[in-house]
Amino acid sequence: MFEITVDYDKCQADQECIEACPAQVYDEGEDGKPVIARPEDCLGCETCVEVCPTGAITVTEV
């Protein structure tokens, strides 16, 4: 299981993580920023971490 953290102060709402996630963990929030909708589906691949230009996302194995 993995814990996903989004630093919303760093997030620019570019939605790269939403588009890149192979497990479709994220939904788009009203402000365009990612909402972690299905954390139990996270594969731990860290694709979202890699595509985030501001380093706003971390994925940690728990």
Protein backbone atom coordinates (compact mmCIF):
# COMPACT_ATOMS: atom_id res chain seq x y z
CA MET A 1 0.00 0.00 0.00
CA PHE A 2 1.16 3.52 -0.79
CA GLU A 3 0.51 6.94 0.70
CA ILE A 4 0.19 9.82 -1.74
CA THR A 5 0.76 13.39 -0.58
CA VAL A 6 0.12 16.51 -2.63
CA ASP A 7 1.58 19.82 -1.48
CA TYR A 8 -1.21 22.07 -2.72
CA ASP A 9 0.90 25.19 -2.10
CA LYS A 10 3.37 23.95 -4.72
CA CYS A 11 0.77 22.53 -7.13
CA GLN A 12 0.21 24.61 -10.29
CA ALA A 13 -2.92 22.71 -11.37
CA ASP A 14 -1.34 21.66 -14.67
CA GLN A 15 -3.03 18.24 -14.32
CA GLU A 16 0.03 16.34 -15.55
CA CYS A 17 -0.35 13.86 -12.69
CA ILE A 18 -4.02 13.26 -13.46
CA GLU A 19 -3.26 12.51 -17.11
CA ALA A 20 -0.15 10.41 -16.44
CA CYS A 21 -1.40 8.12 -13.66
CA PRO A 22 -1.87 4.61 -15.09
CA ALA A 23 -4.15 3.61 -12.20
CA GLN A 24 -6.38 6.71 -12.44
CA VAL A 25 -5.87 7.50 -8.76
CA TYR A 26 -6.61 11.22 -9.20
CA ASP A 27 -9.70 13.20 -10.07
CA GLU A 28 -9.71 16.88 -10.98
CA GLY A 29 -10.80 19.16 -8.15
CA GLU A 30 -12.88 22.29 -8.62
CA ASP A 31 -9.69 24.37 -8.65
CA GLY A 32 -8.08 22.11 -11.27
CA LYS A 33 -5.76 20.56 -8.72
CA PRO A 34 -5.63 16.79 -8.24
CA VAL A 35 -7.85 15.10 -5.70
CA ILE A 36 -6.62 11.73 -4.47
CA ALA A 37 -9.83 9.83 -5.18
CA ARG A 38 -8.65 6.19 -5.23
CA PRO A 39 -5.47 5.88 -3.12
CA GLU A 40 -6.01 2.13 -2.73
CA ASP A 41 -5.42 1.75 -6.49
CA CYS A 42 -1.95 3.38 -6.39
CA LEU A 43 0.69 1.14 -8.00
CA GLY A 44 3.61 2.97 -6.42
CA CYS A 45 5.10 3.60 -9.86
CA GLU A 46 5.73 7.28 -9.05
CA THR A 47 4.82 8.40 -12.56
CA CYS A 48 2.92 11.30 -10.98
CA VAL A 49 6.04 12.29 -9.04
CA GLU A 50 8.15 12.22 -12.21
CA VAL A 51 5.79 14.37 -14.30
CA CYS A 52 5.10 17.00 -11.63
CA PRO A 53 7.18 20.05 -12.59
CA THR A 54 7.04 21.57 -9.11
CA GLY A 55 7.75 18.46 -7.03
CA ALA A 56 4.39 18.75 -5.28
CA ILE A 57 3.72 15.00 -5.07
CA THR A 58 5.31 12.32 -2.94
CA VAL A 59 4.52 8.61 -2.86
CA THR A 60 5.60 6.59 0.16
CA GLU A 61 5.22 2.87 0.78
CA VAL A 62 3.40 2.20 4.05
